[in-house]
Amino acid sequence: ARKIVNQSFFVENEDKLHQQKIVFTNGCFDLLHCGHITYLAKAREL
C-alpha cells in the first residue's frame, strides 16, 4: 500500500528521492505477463 502514491508525493519528497537514481516508465499493464516482468526487471537495473 505504501508503494502506491499520488503525484504530489514526488513534489513533497523531491530532495529525499533525488539522492538516488530514479528510473521512470509507464503503461497500462492490463494483463501482466512475462514480457512485462522482464521489461520491468531490466528497467529497475538502470
ModelCIF file with pLDDT and N, C-alpha, C, O atoms, coordinates in Angstrom:
data_MODEL
#
_entry.id   MODEL 
#
_entity.id                         1 
_entity.type                       polymer 
_entity.pdbx_number_of_molecules   1 
#
_entity_poly.entity_id                      1 
_entity_poly.type                           'polypeptide(L)' 
_entity_poly.nstd_linkage                   no 
_entity_poly.nstd_monomer                   no 
_entity_poly.pdbx_seq_one_letter_code       ARKIVNQSFFVENEDKLHQQKIVFTNGCFDLLHCGHITYLAKAREL 
_entity_poly.pdbx_seq_one_letter_code_can   ARKIVNQSFFVENEDKLHQQKIVFTNGCFDLLHCGHITYLAKAREL 
_entity_poly.pdbx_strand_id                 A 
#
loop_
_entity_poly_seq.entity_id 
_entity_poly_seq.num 
_entity_poly_seq.mon_id 
_entity_poly_seq.hetero 
1 1  ALA n 
1 2  ARG n 
1 3  LYS n 
1 4  ILE n 
1 5  VAL n 
1 6  ASN n 
1 7  GLN n 
1 8  SER n 
1 9  PHE n 
1 10 PHE n 
1 11 VAL n 
1 12 GLU n 
1 13 ASN n 
1 14 GLU n 
1 15 ASP n 
1 16 LYS n 
1 17 LEU n 
1 18 HIS n 
1 19 GLN n 
1 20 GLN n 
1 21 LYS n 
1 22 ILE n 
1 23 VAL n 
1 24 PHE n 
1 25 THR n 
1 26 ASN n 
1 27 GLY n 
1 28 CYS n 
1 29 PHE n 
1 30 ASP n 
1 31 LEU n 
1 32 LEU n 
1 33 HIS n 
1 34 CYS n 
1 35 GLY n 
1 36 HIS n 
1 37 ILE n 
1 38 THR n 
1 39 TYR n 
1 40 LEU n 
1 41 ALA n 
1 42 LYS n 
1 43 ALA n 
1 44 ARG n 
1 45 GLU n 
1 46 LEU n 
#
_struct_asym.id          A 
_struct_asym.entity_id   1 
#
loop_
_ma_qa_metric.id 
_ma_qa_metric.mode 
_ma_qa_metric.name 
_ma_qa_metric.software_group_id 
_ma_qa_metric.type 
1 global pLDDT . pLDDT 
2 local  pLDDT . pLDDT 
#
_ma_qa_metric_global.metric_id      1 
_ma_qa_metric_global.metric_value   95.07 
_ma_qa_metric_global.model_id       1 
_ma_qa_metric_global.ordinal_id     1 
#
loop_
_ma_qa_metric_local.label_asym_id 
_ma_qa_metric_local.label_comp_id 
_ma_qa_metric_local.label_seq_id 
_ma_qa_metric_local.metric_id 
_ma_qa_metric_local.metric_value 
_ma_qa_metric_local.model_id 
_ma_qa_metric_local.ordinal_id 
A ALA 1  2 90.00 1 1  
A ARG 2  2 95.00 1 2  
A LYS 3  2 97.00 1 3  
A ILE 4  2 97.00 1 4  
A VAL 5  2 98.00 1 5  
A ASN 6  2 97.00 1 6  
A GLN 7  2 97.00 1 7  
A SER 8  2 97.00 1 8  
A PHE 9  2 98.00 1 9  
A PHE 10 2 97.00 1 10 
A VAL 11 2 96.00 1 11 
A GLU 12 2 97.00 1 12 
A ASN 13 2 97.00 1 13 
A GLU 14 2 95.00 1 14 
A ASP 15 2 96.00 1 15 
A LYS 16 2 96.00 1 16 
A LEU 17 2 96.00 1 17 
A HIS 18 2 94.00 1 18 
A GLN 19 2 97.00 1 19 
A GLN 20 2 98.00 1 20 
A LYS 21 2 98.00 1 21 
A ILE 22 2 98.00 1 22 
A VAL 23 2 98.00 1 23 
A PHE 24 2 98.00 1 24 
A THR 25 2 98.00 1 25 
A ASN 26 2 98.00 1 26 
A GLY 27 2 96.00 1 27 
A CYS 28 2 95.00 1 28 
A PHE 29 2 94.00 1 29 
A ASP 30 2 89.00 1 30 
A LEU 31 2 85.00 1 31 
A LEU 32 2 88.00 1 32 
A HIS 33 2 85.00 1 33 
A CYS 34 2 86.00 1 34 
A GLY 35 2 87.00 1 35 
A HIS 36 2 90.00 1 36 
A ILE 37 2 94.00 1 37 
A THR 38 2 93.00 1 38 
A TYR 39 2 95.00 1 39 
A LEU 40 2 97.00 1 40 
A ALA 41 2 97.00 1 41 
A LYS 42 2 97.00 1 42 
A ALA 43 2 98.00 1 43 
A ARG 44 2 98.00 1 44 
A GLU 45 2 98.00 1 45 
A LEU 46 2 98.00 1 46 
#
loop_
_atom_site.group_PDB 
_atom_site.id 
_atom_site.type_symbol 
_atom_site.label_atom_id 
_atom_site.label_alt_id 
_atom_site.label_comp_id 
_atom_site.label_asym_id 
_atom_site.label_entity_id 
_atom_site.label_seq_id 
_atom_site.pdbx_PDB_ins_code 
_atom_site.Cartn_x 
_atom_site.Cartn_y 
_atom_site.Cartn_z 
_atom_site.occupancy 
_atom_site.B_iso_or_equiv 
_atom_site.pdbx_formal_charge 
_atom_site.auth_seq_id 
_atom_site.auth_comp_id 
_atom_site.auth_asym_id 
_atom_site.auth_atom_id 
_atom_site.pdbx_PDB_model_num 
ATOM 1   N N  . ALA A 1 1  ? 0.827  -1.216  0.000   1.00 90.00 ? 1  ALA A N  1 
ATOM 2   C CA . ALA A 1 1  ? 0.000  0.000   0.000   1.00 90.00 ? 1  ALA A CA 1 
ATOM 3   C C  . ALA A 1 1  ? 0.858  1.262   0.000   1.00 90.00 ? 1  ALA A C  1 
ATOM 4   O O  . ALA A 1 1  ? 0.485  2.254   -0.627  1.00 90.00 ? 1  ALA A O  1 
ATOM 5   N N  . ARG A 1 2  ? 1.987  1.247   0.682   1.00 95.00 ? 2  ARG A N  1 
ATOM 6   C CA . ARG A 1 2  ? 2.877  2.423   0.734   1.00 95.00 ? 2  ARG A CA 1 
ATOM 7   C C  . ARG A 1 2  ? 3.530  2.708   -0.616  1.00 95.00 ? 2  ARG A C  1 
ATOM 8   O O  . ARG A 1 2  ? 3.979  3.827   -0.868  1.00 95.00 ? 2  ARG A O  1 
ATOM 9   N N  . LYS A 1 3  ? 3.583  1.709   -1.473  1.00 97.00 ? 3  LYS A N  1 
ATOM 10  C CA . LYS A 1 3  ? 4.211  1.876   -2.775  1.00 97.00 ? 3  LYS A CA 1 
ATOM 11  C C  . LYS A 1 3  ? 3.275  2.552   -3.787  1.00 97.00 ? 3  LYS A C  1 
ATOM 12  O O  . LYS A 1 3  ? 3.729  3.023   -4.830  1.00 97.00 ? 3  LYS A O  1 
ATOM 13  N N  . ILE A 1 4  ? 1.984  2.600   -3.485  1.00 97.00 ? 4  ILE A N  1 
ATOM 14  C CA . ILE A 1 4  ? 1.017  3.258   -4.371  1.00 97.00 ? 4  ILE A CA 1 
ATOM 15  C C  . ILE A 1 4  ? 0.850  4.689   -3.869  1.00 97.00 ? 4  ILE A C  1 
ATOM 16  O O  . ILE A 1 4  ? 0.311  4.922   -2.787  1.00 97.00 ? 4  ILE A O  1 
ATOM 17  N N  . VAL A 1 5  ? 1.314  5.631   -4.661  1.00 98.00 ? 5  VAL A N  1 
ATOM 18  C CA . VAL A 1 5  ? 1.368  7.029   -4.221  1.00 98.00 ? 5  VAL A CA 1 
ATOM 19  C C  . VAL A 1 5  ? 0.636  7.928   -5.216  1.00 98.00 ? 5  VAL A C  1 
ATOM 20  O O  . VAL A 1 5  ? 0.309  7.508   -6.326  1.00 98.00 ? 5  VAL A O  1 
ATOM 21  N N  . ASN A 1 6  ? 0.384  9.170   -4.799  1.00 97.00 ? 6  ASN A N  1 
ATOM 22  C CA . ASN A 1 6  ? -0.207 10.140  -5.718  1.00 97.00 ? 6  ASN A CA 1 
ATOM 23  C C  . ASN A 1 6  ? 0.907  11.038  -6.272  1.00 97.00 ? 6  ASN A C  1 
ATOM 24  O O  . ASN A 1 6  ? 2.052  10.969  -5.826  1.00 97.00 ? 6  ASN A O  1 
ATOM 25  N N  . GLN A 1 7  ? 0.561  11.857  -7.227  1.00 97.00 ? 7  GLN A N  1 
ATOM 26  C CA . GLN A 1 7  ? 1.576  12.667  -7.895  1.00 97.00 ? 7  GLN A CA 1 
ATOM 27  C C  . GLN A 1 7  ? 2.257  13.667  -6.972  1.00 97.00 ? 7  GLN A C  1 
ATOM 28  O O  . GLN A 1 7  ? 3.437  13.968  -7.153  1.00 97.00 ? 7  GLN A O  1 
ATOM 29  N N  . SER A 1 8  ? 1.535  14.183  -5.990  1.00 97.00 ? 8  SER A N  1 
ATOM 30  C CA . SER A 1 8  ? 2.130  15.159  -5.082  1.00 97.00 ? 8  SER A CA 1 
ATOM 31  C C  . SER A 1 8  ? 3.251  14.555  -4.240  1.00 97.00 ? 8  SER A C  1 
ATOM 32  O O  . SER A 1 8  ? 4.103  15.286  -3.734  1.00 97.00 ? 8  SER A O  1 
ATOM 33  N N  . PHE A 1 9  ? 3.262  13.246  -4.085  1.00 98.00 ? 9  PHE A N  1 
ATOM 34  C CA . PHE A 1 9  ? 4.319  12.558  -3.336  1.00 98.00 ? 9  PHE A CA 1 
ATOM 35  C C  . PHE A 1 9  ? 5.698  12.936  -3.871  1.00 98.00 ? 9  PHE A C  1 
ATOM 36  O O  . PHE A 1 9  ? 6.635  13.128  -3.096  1.00 98.00 ? 9  PHE A O  1 
ATOM 37  N N  . PHE A 1 10 ? 5.823  13.040  -5.182  1.00 97.00 ? 10 PHE A N  1 
ATOM 38  C CA . PHE A 1 10 ? 7.124  13.303  -5.797  1.00 97.00 ? 10 PHE A CA 1 
ATOM 39  C C  . PHE A 1 10 ? 7.577  14.741  -5.595  1.00 97.00 ? 10 PHE A C  1 
ATOM 40  O O  . PHE A 1 10 ? 8.775  15.009  -5.503  1.00 97.00 ? 10 PHE A O  1 
ATOM 41  N N  . VAL A 1 11 ? 6.640  15.652  -5.526  1.00 96.00 ? 11 VAL A N  1 
ATOM 42  C CA . VAL A 1 11 ? 6.961  17.051  -5.258  1.00 96.00 ? 11 VAL A CA 1 
ATOM 43  C C  . VAL A 1 11 ? 7.348  17.206  -3.780  1.00 96.00 ? 11 VAL A C  1 
ATOM 44  O O  . VAL A 1 11 ? 8.332  17.871  -3.455  1.00 96.00 ? 11 VAL A O  1 
ATOM 45  N N  . GLU A 1 12 ? 6.575  16.595  -2.905  1.00 97.00 ? 12 GLU A N  1 
ATOM 46  C CA . GLU A 1 12 ? 6.804  16.696  -1.460  1.00 97.00 ? 12 GLU A CA 1 
ATOM 47  C C  . GLU A 1 12 ? 8.084  15.999  -1.008  1.00 97.00 ? 12 GLU A C  1 
ATOM 48  O O  . GLU A 1 12 ? 8.664  16.385  0.007   1.00 97.00 ? 12 GLU A O  1 
ATOM 49  N N  . ASN A 1 13 ? 8.531  14.988  -1.735  1.00 97.00 ? 13 ASN A N  1 
ATOM 50  C CA . ASN A 1 13 ? 9.709  14.204  -1.337  1.00 97.00 ? 13 ASN A CA 1 
ATOM 51  C C  . ASN A 1 13 ? 10.867 14.329  -2.316  1.00 97.00 ? 13 ASN A C  1 
ATOM 52  O O  . ASN A 1 13 ? 11.739 13.461  -2.370  1.00 97.00 ? 13 ASN A O  1 
ATOM 53  N N  . GLU A 1 14 ? 10.874 15.400  -3.084  1.00 95.00 ? 14 GLU A N  1 
ATOM 54  C CA . GLU A 1 14 ? 11.867 15.568  -4.146  1.00 95.00 ? 14 GLU A CA 1 
ATOM 55  C C  . GLU A 1 14 ? 13.303 15.460  -3.636  1.00 95.00 ? 14 GLU A C  1 
ATOM 56  O O  . GLU A 1 14 ? 14.105 14.724  -4.212  1.00 95.00 ? 14 GLU A O  1 
ATOM 57  N N  . ASP A 1 15 ? 13.636 16.171  -2.580  1.00 96.00 ? 15 ASP A N  1 
ATOM 58  C CA . ASP A 1 15 ? 15.018 16.163  -2.089  1.00 96.00 ? 15 ASP A CA 1 
ATOM 59  C C  . ASP A 1 15 ? 15.452 14.767  -1.668  1.00 96.00 ? 15 ASP A C  1 
ATOM 60  O O  . ASP A 1 15 ? 16.549 14.328  -2.013  1.00 96.00 ? 15 ASP A O  1 
ATOM 61  N N  . LYS A 1 16 ? 14.616 14.081  -0.941  1.00 96.00 ? 16 LYS A N  1 
ATOM 62  C CA . LYS A 1 16 ? 14.935 12.721  -0.472  1.00 96.00 ? 16 LYS A CA 1 
ATOM 63  C C  . LYS A 1 16 ? 15.064 11.752  -1.646  1.00 96.00 ? 16 LYS A C  1 
ATOM 64  O O  . LYS A 1 16 ? 16.012 10.969  -1.713  1.00 96.00 ? 16 LYS A O  1 
ATOM 65  N N  . LEU A 1 17 ? 14.112 11.809  -2.562  1.00 96.00 ? 17 LEU A N  1 
ATOM 66  C CA . LEU A 1 17 ? 14.104 10.880  -3.688  1.00 96.00 ? 17 LEU A CA 1 
ATOM 67  C C  . LEU A 1 17 ? 15.308 11.074  -4.596  1.00 96.00 ? 17 LEU A C  1 
ATOM 68  O O  . LEU A 1 17 ? 15.859 10.101  -5.111  1.00 96.00 ? 17 LEU A O  1 
ATOM 69  N N  . HIS A 1 18 ? 15.717 12.304  -4.796  1.00 94.00 ? 18 HIS A N  1 
ATOM 70  C CA . HIS A 1 18 ? 16.788 12.574  -5.747  1.00 94.00 ? 18 HIS A CA 1 
ATOM 71  C C  . HIS A 1 18 ? 18.182 12.376  -5.168  1.00 94.00 ? 18 HIS A C  1 
ATOM 72  O O  . HIS A 1 18 ? 19.175 12.813  -5.751  1.00 94.00 ? 18 HIS A O  1 
ATOM 73  N N  . GLN A 1 19 ? 18.248 11.722  -4.033  1.00 97.00 ? 19 GLN A N  1 
ATOM 74  C CA . GLN A 1 19 ? 19.538 11.253  -3.530  1.00 97.00 ? 19 GLN A CA 1 
ATOM 75  C C  . GLN A 1 19 ? 19.890 9.913   -4.175  1.00 97.00 ? 19 GLN A C  1 
ATOM 76  O O  . GLN A 1 19 ? 20.967 9.358   -3.952  1.00 97.00 ? 19 GLN A O  1 
ATOM 77  N N  . GLN A 1 20 ? 18.949 9.408   -4.982  1.00 98.00 ? 20 GLN A N  1 
ATOM 78  C CA . GLN A 1 20 ? 19.121 8.140   -5.677  1.00 98.00 ? 20 GLN A CA 1 
ATOM 79  C C  . GLN A 1 20 ? 18.829 8.353   -7.162  1.00 98.00 ? 20 GLN A C  1 
ATOM 80  O O  . GLN A 1 20 ? 18.244 9.363   -7.554  1.00 98.00 ? 20 GLN A O  1 
ATOM 81  N N  . LYS A 1 21 ? 19.246 7.386   -7.976  1.00 98.00 ? 21 LYS A N  1 
ATOM 82  C CA . LYS A 1 21 ? 18.984 7.444   -9.416  1.00 98.00 ? 21 LYS A CA 1 
ATOM 83  C C  . LYS A 1 21 ? 17.582 6.909   -9.671  1.00 98.00 ? 21 LYS A C  1 
ATOM 84  O O  . LYS A 1 21 ? 17.293 5.743   -9.403  1.00 98.00 ? 21 LYS A O  1 
ATOM 85  N N  . ILE A 1 22 ? 16.703 7.785   -10.198 1.00 98.00 ? 22 ILE A N  1 
ATOM 86  C CA . ILE A 1 22 ? 15.299 7.443   -10.413 1.00 98.00 ? 22 ILE A CA 1 
ATOM 87  C C  . ILE A 1 22 ? 15.069 7.050   -11.865 1.00 98.00 ? 22 ILE A C  1 
ATOM 88  O O  . ILE A 1 22 ? 15.448 7.764   -12.793 1.00 98.00 ? 22 ILE A O  1 
ATOM 89  N N  . VAL A 1 23 ? 14.441 5.900   -12.033 1.00 98.00 ? 23 VAL A N  1 
ATOM 90  C CA . VAL A 1 23 ? 14.047 5.407   -13.354 1.00 98.00 ? 23 VAL A CA 1 
ATOM 91  C C  . VAL A 1 23 ? 12.529 5.513   -13.435 1.00 98.00 ? 23 VAL A C  1 
ATOM 92  O O  . VAL A 1 23 ? 11.825 5.183   -12.480 1.00 98.00 ? 23 VAL A O  1 
ATOM 93  N N  . PHE A 1 24 ? 12.032 5.973   -14.573 1.00 98.00 ? 24 PHE A N  1 
ATOM 94  C CA . PHE A 1 24 ? 10.588 6.098   -14.772 1.00 98.00 ? 24 PHE A CA 1 
ATOM 95  C C  . PHE A 1 24 ? 10.182 5.341   -16.022 1.00 98.00 ? 24 PHE A C  1 
ATOM 96  O O  . PHE A 1 24 ? 10.855 5.405   -17.051 1.00 98.00 ? 24 PHE A O  1 
ATOM 97  N N  . THR A 1 25 ? 9.076  4.625   -15.918 1.00 98.00 ? 25 THR A N  1 
ATOM 98  C CA . THR A 1 25 ? 8.425  4.037   -17.072 1.00 98.00 ? 25 THR A CA 1 
ATOM 99  C C  . THR A 1 25 ? 6.926  4.144   -16.869 1.00 98.00 ? 25 THR A C  1 
ATOM 100 O O  . THR A 1 25 ? 6.460  4.475   -15.778 1.00 98.00 ? 25 THR A O  1 
ATOM 101 N N  . ASN A 1 26 ? 6.180  3.868   -17.910 1.00 98.00 ? 26 ASN A N  1 
ATOM 102 C CA . ASN A 1 26 ? 4.727  3.962   -17.773 1.00 98.00 ? 26 ASN A CA 1 
ATOM 103 C C  . ASN A 1 26 ? 4.035  3.009   -18.734 1.00 98.00 ? 26 ASN A C  1 
ATOM 104 O O  . ASN A 1 26 ? 4.638  2.488   -19.672 1.00 98.00 ? 26 ASN A O  1 
ATOM 105 N N  . GLY A 1 27 ? 2.755  2.799   -18.473 1.00 96.00 ? 27 GLY A N  1 
ATOM 106 C CA . GLY A 1 27 ? 1.968  1.966   -19.366 1.00 96.00 ? 27 GLY A CA 1 
ATOM 107 C C  . GLY A 1 27 ? 0.657  1.565   -18.729 1.00 96.00 ? 27 GLY A C  1 
ATOM 108 O O  . GLY A 1 27 ? 0.313  2.002   -17.631 1.00 96.00 ? 27 GLY A O  1 
ATOM 109 N N  . CYS A 1 28 ? -0.071 0.714   -19.453 1.00 95.00 ? 28 CYS A N  1 
ATOM 110 C CA . CYS A 1 28 ? -1.386 0.243   -19.000 1.00 95.00 ? 28 CYS A CA 1 
ATOM 111 C C  . CYS A 1 28 ? -1.261 -0.990  -18.106 1.00 95.00 ? 28 CYS A C  1 
ATOM 112 O O  . CYS A 1 28 ? -1.984 -1.112  -17.118 1.00 95.00 ? 28 CYS A O  1 
ATOM 113 N N  . PHE A 1 29 ? -0.362 -1.893  -18.440 1.00 94.00 ? 29 PHE A N  1 
ATOM 114 C CA . PHE A 1 29 ? -0.113 -3.110  -17.667 1.00 94.00 ? 29 PHE A CA 1 
ATOM 115 C C  . PHE A 1 29 ? -1.430 -3.779  -17.266 1.00 94.00 ? 29 PHE A C  1 
ATOM 116 O O  . PHE A 1 29 ? -1.677 -4.065  -16.094 1.00 94.00 ? 29 PHE A O  1 
ATOM 117 N N  . ASP A 1 30 ? -2.257 -4.015  -18.273 1.00 89.00 ? 30 ASP A N  1 
ATOM 118 C CA . ASP A 1 30 ? -3.608 -4.520  -18.048 1.00 89.00 ? 30 ASP A CA 1 
ATOM 119 C C  . ASP A 1 30 ? -3.622 -5.988  -17.627 1.00 89.00 ? 30 ASP A C  1 
ATOM 120 O O  . ASP A 1 30 ? -4.173 -6.327  -16.579 1.00 89.00 ? 30 ASP A O  1 
ATOM 121 N N  . LEU A 1 31 ? -3.030 -6.844  -18.421 1.00 85.00 ? 31 LEU A N  1 
ATOM 122 C CA . LEU A 1 31 ? -2.880 -8.255  -18.061 1.00 85.00 ? 31 LEU A CA 1 
ATOM 123 C C  . LEU A 1 31 ? -1.381 -8.512  -17.965 1.00 85.00 ? 31 LEU A C  1 
ATOM 124 O O  . LEU A 1 31 ? -0.698 -8.605  -18.985 1.00 85.00 ? 31 LEU A O  1 
ATOM 125 N N  . LEU A 1 32 ? -0.881 -8.625  -16.770 1.00 88.00 ? 32 LEU A N  1 
ATOM 126 C CA . LEU A 1 32 ? 0.552  -8.764  -16.539 1.00 88.00 ? 32 LEU A CA 1 
ATOM 127 C C  . LEU A 1 32 ? 1.049  -10.094 -17.094 1.00 88.00 ? 32 LEU A C  1 
ATOM 128 O O  . LEU A 1 32 ? 0.447  -11.137 -16.840 1.00 88.00 ? 32 LEU A O  1 
ATOM 129 N N  . HIS A 1 33 ? 2.143  -10.064 -17.849 1.00 85.00 ? 33 HIS A N  1 
ATOM 130 C CA . HIS A 1 33 ? 2.714  -11.276 -18.429 1.00 85.00 ? 33 HIS A CA 1 
ATOM 131 C C  . HIS A 1 33 ? 4.234  -11.229 -18.327 1.00 85.00 ? 33 HIS A C  1 
ATOM 132 O O  . HIS A 1 33 ? 4.797  -10.231 -17.877 1.00 85.00 ? 33 HIS A O  1 
ATOM 133 N N  . CYS A 1 34 ? 4.901  -12.309 -18.745 1.00 86.00 ? 34 CYS A N  1 
ATOM 134 C CA . CYS A 1 34 ? 6.354  -12.399 -18.554 1.00 86.00 ? 34 CYS A CA 1 
ATOM 135 C C  . CYS A 1 34 ? 7.103  -11.325 -19.343 1.00 86.00 ? 34 CYS A C  1 
ATOM 136 O O  . CYS A 1 34 ? 8.200  -10.934 -18.945 1.00 86.00 ? 34 CYS A O  1 
ATOM 137 N N  . GLY A 1 35 ? 6.546  -10.846 -20.435 1.00 87.00 ? 35 GLY A N  1 
ATOM 138 C CA . GLY A 1 35 ? 7.178  -9.734  -21.143 1.00 87.00 ? 35 GLY A CA 1 
ATOM 139 C C  . GLY A 1 35 ? 7.238  -8.486  -20.280 1.00 87.00 ? 35 GLY A C  1 
ATOM 140 O O  . GLY A 1 35 ? 8.245  -7.777  -20.267 1.00 87.00 ? 35 GLY A O  1 
ATOM 141 N N  . HIS A 1 36 ? 6.150  -8.220  -19.552 1.00 90.00 ? 36 HIS A N  1 
ATOM 142 C CA . HIS A 1 36 ? 6.139  -7.081  -18.619 1.00 90.00 ? 36 HIS A CA 1 
ATOM 143 C C  . HIS A 1 36 ? 7.179  -7.270  -17.519 1.00 90.00 ? 36 HIS A C  1 
ATOM 144 O O  . HIS A 1 36 ? 7.929  -6.348  -17.201 1.00 90.00 ? 36 HIS A O  1 
ATOM 145 N N  . ILE A 1 37 ? 7.217  -8.459  -16.947 1.00 94.00 ? 37 ILE A N  1 
ATOM 146 C CA . ILE A 1 37 ? 8.133  -8.722  -15.828 1.00 94.00 ? 37 ILE A CA 1 
ATOM 147 C C  . ILE A 1 37 ? 9.582  -8.551  -16.279 1.00 94.00 ? 37 ILE A C  1 
ATOM 148 O O  . ILE A 1 37 ? 10.382 -7.931  -15.578 1.00 94.00 ? 37 ILE A O  1 
ATOM 149 N N  . THR A 1 38 ? 9.919  -9.094  -17.437 1.00 93.00 ? 38 THR A N  1 
ATOM 150 C CA . THR A 1 38 ? 11.277 -8.957  -17.967 1.00 93.00 ? 38 THR A CA 1 
ATOM 151 C C  . THR A 1 38 ? 11.618 -7.494  -18.202 1.00 93.00 ? 38 THR A C  1 
ATOM 152 O O  . THR A 1 38 ? 12.698 -7.030  -17.836 1.00 93.00 ? 38 THR A O  1 
ATOM 153 N N  . TYR A 1 39 ? 10.692 -6.777  -18.812 1.00 95.00 ? 39 TYR A N  1 
ATOM 154 C CA . TYR A 1 39 ? 10.878 -5.350  -19.086 1.00 95.00 ? 39 TYR A CA 1 
ATOM 155 C C  . TYR A 1 39 ? 11.089 -4.558  -17.788 1.00 95.00 ? 39 TYR A C  1 
ATOM 156 O O  . TYR A 1 39 ? 12.009 -3.746  -17.696 1.00 95.00 ? 39 TYR A O  1 
ATOM 157 N N  . LEU A 1 40 ? 10.239 -4.797  -16.795 1.00 97.00 ? 40 LEU A N  1 
ATOM 158 C CA . LEU A 1 40 ? 10.333 -4.057  -15.533 1.00 97.00 ? 40 LEU A CA 1 
ATOM 159 C C  . LEU A 1 40 ? 11.616 -4.392  -14.780 1.00 97.00 ? 40 LEU A C  1 
ATOM 160 O O  . LEU A 1 40 ? 12.216 -3.513  -14.162 1.00 97.00 ? 40 LEU A O  1 
ATOM 161 N N  . ALA A 1 41 ? 12.036 -5.635  -14.824 1.00 97.00 ? 41 ALA A N  1 
ATOM 162 C CA . ALA A 1 41 ? 13.292 -6.023  -14.167 1.00 97.00 ? 41 ALA A CA 1 
ATOM 163 C C  . ALA A 1 41 ? 14.475 -5.310  -14.818 1.00 97.00 ? 41 ALA A C  1 
ATOM 164 O O  . ALA A 1 41 ? 15.370 -4.823  -14.127 1.00 97.00 ? 41 ALA A O  1 
ATOM 165 N N  . LYS A 1 42 ? 14.474 -5.251  -16.146 1.00 97.00 ? 42 LYS A N  1 
ATOM 166 C CA . LYS A 1 42 ? 15.555 -4.561  -16.854 1.00 97.00 ? 42 LYS A CA 1 
ATOM 167 C C  . LYS A 1 42 ? 15.514 -3.061  -16.596 1.00 97.00 ? 42 LYS A C  1 
ATOM 168 O O  . LYS A 1 42 ? 16.559 -2.422  -16.474 1.00 97.00 ? 42 LYS A O  1 
ATOM 169 N N  . ALA A 1 43 ? 14.323 -2.502  -16.512 1.00 98.00 ? 43 ALA A N  1 
ATOM 170 C CA . ALA A 1 43 ? 14.189 -1.077  -16.212 1.00 98.00 ? 43 ALA A CA 1 
ATOM 171 C C  . ALA A 1 43 ? 14.765 -0.775  -14.835 1.00 98.00 ? 43 ALA A C  1 
ATOM 172 O O  . ALA A 1 43 ? 15.477 0.213   -14.655 1.00 98.00 ? 43 ALA A O  1 
ATOM 173 N N  . ARG A 1 44 ? 14.456 -1.622  -13.875 1.00 98.00 ? 44 ARG A N  1 
ATOM 174 C CA . ARG A 1 44 ? 14.939 -1.418  -12.490 1.00 98.00 ? 44 ARG A CA 1 
ATOM 175 C C  . ARG A 1 44 ? 16.455 -1.451  -12.411 1.00 98.00 ? 44 ARG A C  1 
ATOM 176 O O  . ARG A 1 44 ? 17.051 -0.762  -11.583 1.00 98.00 ? 44 ARG A O  1 
ATOM 177 N N  . GLU A 1 45 ? 17.078 -2.244  -13.263 1.00 98.00 ? 45 GLU A N  1 
ATOM 178 C CA . GLU A 1 45 ? 18.546 -2.350  -13.278 1.00 98.00 ? 45 GLU A CA 1 
ATOM 179 C C  . GLU A 1 45 ? 19.225 -1.056  -13.722 1.00 98.00 ? 45 GLU A C  1 
ATOM 180 O O  . GLU A 1 45 ? 20.432 -0.894  -13.544 1.00 98.00 ? 45 GLU A O  1 
ATOM 181 N N  . LEU A 1 46 ? 18.455 -0.138  -14.298 1.00 98.00 ? 46 LEU A N  1 
ATOM 182 C CA . LEU A 1 46 ? 19.009 1.126   -14.795 1.00 98.00 ? 46 LEU A CA 1 
ATOM 183 C C  . LEU A 1 46 ? 19.162 2.185   -13.711 1.00 98.00 ? 46 LEU A C  1 
ATOM 184 O O  . LEU A 1 46 ? 19.616 3.294   -13.992 1.00 98.00 ? 46 LEU A O  1 
#
